[in-house]
Protein backbone atom coordinates (compact mmCIF):
# COMPACT_ATOMS: atom_id res chain seq x y z
CA GLN A 1 13.83 5.69 12.03
CA VAL A 2 11.24 5.31 9.30
CA GLN A 3 7.49 5.41 9.78
CA VAL A 4 4.66 4.58 7.43
CA GLU A 5 1.25 6.10 7.93
CA GLU A 6 -1.90 5.10 6.06
CA SER A 7 -5.09 7.06 5.56
CA GLY A 8 -8.43 6.37 3.97
CA GLY A 9 -10.32 3.13 4.07
CA GLY A 10 -13.73 2.55 5.55
CA LEU A 11 -17.06 1.09 4.56
CA VAL A 12 -18.37 1.03 1.00
CA GLN A 13 -21.09 -0.83 -0.87
CA ALA A 14 -20.26 -3.42 -3.48
CA GLY A 15 -19.57 -1.78 -6.81
CA GLY A 16 -18.35 1.38 -5.15
CA SER A 17 -14.93 3.03 -5.03
CA LEU A 18 -12.48 3.90 -2.31
CA ASN A 19 -9.04 5.48 -2.17
CA ILE A 20 -6.33 4.87 0.39
CA SER A 21 -2.96 6.53 0.72
CA CYS A 22 0.28 6.03 2.57
CA THR A 23 3.28 8.21 3.35
CA ALA A 24 6.70 7.06 4.50
CA SER A 25 8.71 9.51 6.57
CA GLY A 26 12.03 9.60 8.35
CA ASN A 27 15.67 9.46 7.41
CA ILE A 28 15.04 7.91 4.00
CA PHE A 29 17.82 7.96 1.43
CA ASN A 30 15.93 6.11 -1.27
CA THR A 31 12.55 4.42 -1.58
CA VAL A 32 12.85 1.35 -3.75
CA VAL A 33 9.29 0.13 -3.79
CA MET A 34 6.01 0.93 -2.08
CA GLY A 35 2.84 -1.03 -2.15
CA TRP A 36 -0.20 -2.48 -0.50
CA TYR A 37 -0.90 -5.85 1.03
CA ARG A 38 -4.15 -7.04 2.53
CA GLN A 39 -5.16 -9.58 5.11
CA ALA A 40 -8.65 -10.93 5.66
CA PRO A 41 -9.52 -12.74 8.91
CA GLY A 42 -7.90 -16.16 9.02
CA GLN A 43 -6.03 -15.52 5.79
CA PRO A 44 -2.38 -14.77 5.03
CA ARG A 45 -1.23 -11.29 4.14
CA ASP A 46 -1.07 -11.07 0.35
CA LEU A 47 0.24 -8.53 -2.11
CA VAL A 48 -2.40 -6.31 -3.69
CA ALA A 49 -0.28 -3.92 -5.72
CA SER A 50 3.15 -2.35 -5.70
CA ILE A 51 5.08 0.29 -7.57
CA THR A 52 8.82 0.85 -7.86
CA SER A 53 10.66 4.16 -7.88
CA GLU A 54 10.89 3.77 -11.66
CA GLY A 55 7.14 3.42 -11.92
CA SER A 56 6.88 -0.30 -12.61
CA THR A 57 3.71 -1.77 -11.18
CA ASN A 58 2.65 -5.21 -10.08
CA TYR A 59 -0.90 -6.32 -9.29
CA ALA A 60 -2.57 -9.36 -7.84
CA ASP A 61 -4.67 -11.09 -10.49
CA SER A 62 -7.80 -10.56 -8.40
CA VAL A 63 -7.54 -6.75 -8.59
CA LYS A 64 -6.22 -6.21 -12.12
CA GLY A 65 -8.41 -3.79 -14.03
CA ARG A 66 -10.12 -2.58 -10.84
CA PHE A 67 -7.32 -1.18 -8.67
CA THR A 68 -4.67 1.36 -9.60
CA VAL A 69 -1.50 2.01 -7.63
CA SER A 70 0.41 5.25 -8.07
CA ARG A 71 3.08 7.31 -6.35
CA GLY A 72 3.18 10.94 -5.41
CA ASN A 73 5.75 13.40 -6.72
CA ALA A 74 7.78 13.02 -3.55
CA LEU A 75 8.03 9.26 -4.23
CA ASN A 76 7.47 8.52 -0.55
CA THR A 77 3.71 8.53 -0.96
CA VAL A 78 1.70 5.75 -2.53
CA TYR A 79 -1.97 5.71 -3.44
CA LEU A 80 -4.37 2.88 -4.14
CA GLN A 81 -7.49 3.68 -6.12
CA MET A 82 -10.01 0.87 -5.73
CA MET A 83 -12.99 0.62 -8.06
CA SER A 84 -15.74 -1.92 -8.61
CA LEU A 85 -15.19 -3.19 -5.10
CA LYS A 86 -16.42 -6.64 -4.16
CA PRO A 87 -17.21 -8.12 -0.74
CA GLU A 88 -14.15 -10.35 -1.14
CA ASP A 89 -11.99 -7.21 -1.14
CA THR A 90 -12.85 -6.78 2.53
CA ALA A 91 -9.62 -6.88 4.53
CA VAL A 92 -7.15 -4.82 6.48
CA TYR A 93 -4.90 -3.09 3.96
CA TYR A 94 -1.28 -2.62 4.94
CA CYS A 95 1.16 -0.21 3.36
CA HIS A 96 4.63 -1.60 2.75
CA SER A 97 7.79 0.25 1.85
CA ARG A 98 11.30 -0.94 1.08
CA VAL A 99 13.71 1.89 1.73
CA TYR A 100 17.38 2.59 2.16
CA VAL A 101 18.47 4.66 5.13
CA GLU A 102 21.88 6.09 5.89
CA SER A 103 23.46 5.04 9.14
CA ALA A 104 27.05 5.70 10.19
CA GLY A 105 28.16 6.11 6.62
CA ARG A 106 26.43 2.96 5.37
CA TYR A 107 23.18 2.44 3.51
CA ILE A 108 20.87 -0.10 5.09
CA ALA A 109 17.78 -1.61 3.52
CA LEU A 110 14.62 -1.66 5.64
CA GLU A 111 11.21 -3.20 5.17
CA VAL A 112 8.64 -0.97 6.83
CA TRP A 113 4.97 -1.69 7.44
CA GLY A 114 2.05 0.53 8.39
CA GLN A 115 -0.49 -0.30 11.07
CA GLY A 116 -3.15 -1.17 8.53
CA THR A 117 -6.40 0.44 7.51
CA PRO A 118 -9.63 -1.56 7.31
CA VAL A 119 -11.68 -1.73 4.13
CA THR A 120 -15.14 -3.24 4.35
CA VAL A 121 -17.27 -3.88 1.27
CA SER A 122 -20.90 -4.66 1.98
CA SER A 123 -23.01 -6.75 -0.39
């Protein structure tokens, strides 16, 4: 079983900065990619940023130049540094991880989501 736990988030004024982090734990053989999605009320859940085990990153156009995604040395931890925050960044931020786990001699791919952490940017 694999779990993903987020930390950080909260309330910040426009123009401010905030960091959130996420750790995946469990019987993980390999973590392929970790990243962050966000969902505002009434909106779909969209990719914010992701990073592969090789360090390749992908960002939504709306956050390029303001947000930075990185991984910890253990590769099962992902960080999102958010700068120059705008009110439109307000959303629940969800950590996502694509991992391989070993089960009965086979490797199975899993998509795992965290519970979400709210980020509110006041104007």
